C-alpha atoms as a PDB file:
ATOM      1  CA  MET A   1      69.682  -8.441 -57.208  1.00  0.00           C
ATOM      2  CA  VAL A   2      66.843  -8.099 -59.717  1.00  0.00           C
ATOM      3  CA  VAL A   3      66.489  -4.600 -61.155  1.00  0.00           C
ATOM      4  CA  ASN A   4      64.872  -2.581 -63.899  1.00  0.00           C
ATOM      5  CA  LEU A   5      67.468  -0.873 -66.109  1.00  0.00           C
ATOM      6  CA  ALA A   6      66.577   2.032 -68.390  1.00  0.00           C
ATOM      7  CA  PRO A   7      68.284   4.894 -70.179  1.00  0.00           C
ATOM      8  CA  VAL A   8      67.424   8.110 -68.346  1.00  0.00           C
ATOM      9  CA  GLN A   9      65.795   9.581 -71.462  1.00  0.00           C
ATOM     10  CA  ALA A  10      63.542   6.480 -71.852  1.00  0.00           C
ATOM     11  CA  LEU A  11      61.894   6.428 -68.447  1.00  0.00           C
ATOM     12  CA  THR A  12      58.426   6.636 -69.982  1.00  0.00           C
ATOM     13  CA  GLY A  13      58.220   2.836 -70.307  1.00  0.00           C
ATOM     14  CA  ASN A  14      60.024   2.197 -73.575  1.00  0.00           C
ATOM     15  CA  GLY A  15      63.482   0.744 -73.194  1.00  0.00           C
ATOM     16  CA  ILE A  16      63.088  -0.561 -69.643  1.00  0.00           C
ATOM     17  CA  GLU A  17      64.870  -3.879 -69.236  1.00  0.00           C
ATOM     18  CA  LEU A  18      64.301  -6.405 -66.443  1.00  0.00           C
ATOM     19  CA  THR A  19      67.744  -7.704 -65.473  1.00  0.00           C
ATOM     20  CA  TYR A  20      70.088  -8.250 -62.519  1.00  0.00           C
ATOM     21  CA  THR A  21      73.289  -6.986 -60.942  1.00  0.00           C
ATOM     22  CA  ASN A  22      76.553  -8.912 -60.949  1.00  0.00           C
ATOM     23  CA  ASN A  23      77.813  -6.921 -58.006  1.00  0.00           C
ATOM     24  CA  VAL A  24      77.104  -3.758 -56.057  1.00  0.00           C
ATOM     25  CA  SER A  25      79.510  -1.535 -54.156  1.00  0.00           C
ATOM     26  CA  ALA A  26      79.066   1.609 -52.081  1.00  0.00           C
ATOM     27  CA  HIS A  27      79.115   3.904 -55.128  1.00  0.00           C
ATOM     28  CA  GLY A  28      78.323   1.723 -58.128  1.00  0.00           C
ATOM     29  CA  ALA A  29      77.081  -1.499 -59.648  1.00  0.00           C
ATOM     30  CA  CYS A  30      77.733  -3.907 -62.483  1.00  0.00           C
ATOM     31  CA  VAL A  31      74.475  -4.650 -64.294  1.00  0.00           C
ATOM     32  CA  VAL A  32      73.852  -7.243 -67.001  1.00  0.00           C
ATOM     33  CA  SER A  33      72.179  -5.883 -70.143  1.00  0.00           C
ATOM     34  CA  SER A  34      70.998  -7.419 -73.392  1.00  0.00           C
ATOM     35  CA  HIS A  35      72.386  -4.526 -75.428  1.00  0.00           C
ATOM     36  CA  PRO A  36      75.554  -2.429 -75.424  1.00  0.00           C
ATOM     37  CA  TRP A  37      75.758   0.896 -73.620  1.00  0.00           C
ATOM     38  CA  GLN A  38      78.057   3.823 -74.401  1.00  0.00           C
ATOM     39  CA  GLN A  39      80.510   5.162 -71.851  1.00  0.00           C
ATOM     40  CA  GLY A  40      79.133   8.421 -70.439  1.00  0.00           C
ATOM     41  CA  GLU A  41      75.435   7.503 -70.897  1.00  0.00           C
ATOM     42  CA  PHE A  42      73.175   7.780 -67.880  1.00  0.00           C
ATOM     43  CA  ALA A  43      70.975   4.939 -66.698  1.00  0.00           C
ATOM     44  CA  GLU A  44      68.449   4.515 -63.965  1.00  0.00           C
ATOM     45  CA  ILE A  45      68.250   1.223 -62.123  1.00  0.00           C
ATOM     46  CA  THR A  46      65.433   0.356 -59.781  1.00  0.00           C
ATOM     47  CA  SER A  47      65.557  -2.436 -57.225  1.00  0.00           C
ATOM     48  CA  LEU A  48      62.431  -4.564 -57.561  1.00  0.00           C
ATOM     49  CA  LEU A  49      62.603  -5.418 -53.862  1.00  0.00           C
ATOM     50  CA  ASP A  50      62.712  -1.845 -52.541  1.00  0.00           C
ATOM     51  CA  ARG A  51      61.367   0.097 -55.522  1.00  0.00           C
ATOM     52  CA  ILE A  52      64.270   2.517 -54.963  1.00  0.00           C
ATOM     53  CA  SER A  53      65.794   4.067 -58.076  1.00  0.00           C
ATOM     54  CA  MET A  54      69.335   5.292 -58.533  1.00  0.00           C
ATOM     55  CA  ARG A  55      70.940   7.067 -61.470  1.00  0.00           C
ATOM     56  CA  GLY A  56      74.359   6.048 -62.625  1.00  0.00           C
ATOM     57  CA  LYS A  57      76.843   6.995 -65.296  1.00  0.00           C
ATOM     58  CA  VAL A  58      78.140   4.212 -67.544  1.00  0.00           C
ATOM     59  CA  VAL A  59      81.878   3.832 -66.921  1.00  0.00           C
ATOM     60  CA  TYR A  60      82.342   0.662 -68.974  1.00  0.00           C
ATOM     61  CA  CYS A  61      80.463  -1.839 -71.113  1.00  0.00           C
ATOM     62  CA  ARG A  62      82.022  -5.234 -71.839  1.00  0.00           C
ATOM     63  CA  LYS A  63      80.605  -7.992 -74.018  1.00  0.00           C
ATOM     64  CA  GLN A  64      79.861 -11.029 -71.878  1.00  0.00           C
ATOM     65  CA  GLY A  65      78.841 -14.092 -73.868  1.00  0.00           C
ATOM     66  CA  ASP A  66      76.792 -13.959 -77.046  1.00  0.00           C
ATOM     67  CA  GLU A  67      73.900 -11.754 -76.022  1.00  0.00           C
ATOM     68  CA  GLN A  68      74.914 -10.064 -72.760  1.00  0.00           C
ATOM     69  CA  TYR A  69      76.919  -7.039 -71.697  1.00  0.00           C
ATOM     70  CA  ALA A  70      78.371  -6.179 -68.311  1.00  0.00           C
ATOM     71  CA  VAL A  71      77.633  -2.497 -67.720  1.00  0.00           C
ATOM     72  CA  GLY A  72      79.537  -0.691 -64.985  1.00  0.00           C
ATOM     73  CA  LEU A  73      77.621   2.188 -63.421  1.00  0.00           C
ATOM     74  CA  SER A  74      78.989   4.828 -61.092  1.00  0.00           C
ATOM     75  CA  PHE A  75      76.548   6.490 -58.689  1.00  0.00           C
ATOM     76  CA  GLN A  76      78.287   9.838 -58.457  1.00  0.00           C
ATOM     77  CA  SER A  77      75.921  11.818 -56.287  1.00  0.00           C
ATOM     78  CA  SER A  78      74.713   9.302 -53.714  1.00  0.00           C
ATOM     79  CA  ASP A  79      75.488   6.157 -51.787  1.00  0.00           C
ATOM     80  CA  VAL A  80      73.700   2.886 -52.471  1.00  0.00           C
ATOM     81  CA  VAL A  81      70.641   2.616 -50.208  1.00  0.00           C
ATOM     82  CA  TRP A  82      69.108  -0.669 -51.382  1.00  0.00           C
ATOM     83  CA  SER A  83      68.223  -2.867 -48.407  1.00  0.00           C
ATOM     84  CA  ILE A  84      69.979  -5.976 -49.739  1.00  0.00           C
ATOM     85  CA  TYR A  85      73.230  -4.040 -50.214  1.00  0.00           C
ATOM     86  CA  LEU A  86      72.986  -2.445 -46.769  1.00  0.00           C
ATOM     87  CA  LYS A  87      72.305  -5.822 -45.157  1.00  0.00           C
ATOM     88  CA  TYR A  88      75.381  -7.462 -46.652  1.00  0.00           C
ATOM     89  CA  SER A  89      77.683  -4.443 -46.374  1.00  0.00           C
ATOM     90  CA  ARG A  90      76.952  -4.130 -42.635  1.00  0.00           C
ATOM     91  CA  HIS A  91      77.533  -7.853 -42.211  1.00  0.00           C
ATOM     92  CA  ALA A  92      80.906  -7.566 -43.968  1.00  0.00           C
ATOM     93  CA  GLN A  93      81.917  -4.612 -41.773  1.00  0.00           C
ATOM     94  CA  GLN A  94      81.028  -6.525 -38.606  1.00  0.00           C
ATOM     95  CA  THR A  95      82.978  -9.613 -39.609  1.00  0.00           C
ATOM     96  CA  THR A  96      86.309  -9.844 -37.857  1.00  0.00           C
ATOM     97  CA  PRO A  97      89.094 -12.243 -38.732  1.00  0.00           C
ATOM     98  CA  LEU A  98      89.332 -15.397 -36.660  1.00  0.00           C
ATOM     99  CA  PRO A  99      92.331 -15.530 -34.349  1.00  0.00           C
ATOM    100  CA  GLN A 100      95.153 -17.627 -35.681  1.00  0.00           C
ATOM    101  CA  ARG A 101      94.868 -20.899 -33.800  1.00  0.00           C
ATOM    102  CA  PHE A 102      97.904 -22.638 -35.152  1.00  0.00           C
ATOM    103  CA  SER A 103     101.437 -21.448 -35.340  1.00  0.00           C
ATOM    104  CA  ARG A 104     103.950 -22.865 -37.783  1.00  0.00           C
ATOM    105  CA  ARG A 105     105.547 -24.773 -34.930  1.00  0.00           C
ATOM    106  CA  ASN A 106     102.283 -26.570 -34.154  1.00  0.00           C
ATOM    107  CA  LEU A 107     101.845 -27.625 -37.773  1.00  0.00           C
ATOM    108  CA  GLN A 108     105.278 -29.242 -38.141  1.00  0.00           C
END
C-alpha cells in the first residue's frame, strides 16, 4: 500500500516521505523508509488511497538492502481502518479451509 510517512514533529511538509508498506496487521504496519528511525519515535502514515492518517510508535528499524529500512510501527490507540486492509482482513476471516478430500488410504 502506498503511504506518506513522516515524523510526527515534521508534519508541516518537511520530512514527508512517499513510500509503501511491506505488511499491515490489525494494530501495526511495516513501512519501508529511506532513512533509519529510532525505537520509540512516533510517525504518522497516511494512506494515499483513503487519505486516512494513523500515528504509530516505532518498535523496530532494520536495515534492508543498501538504502532501505524496514520500520515496524505499532498503532497503540486504534485499529487499522484503511479500506485496503479492511477488504483483505474480512476476506481472510471469511475463508474457511477446504474439506479434506483424500484420506491416506485413498492415496496409497
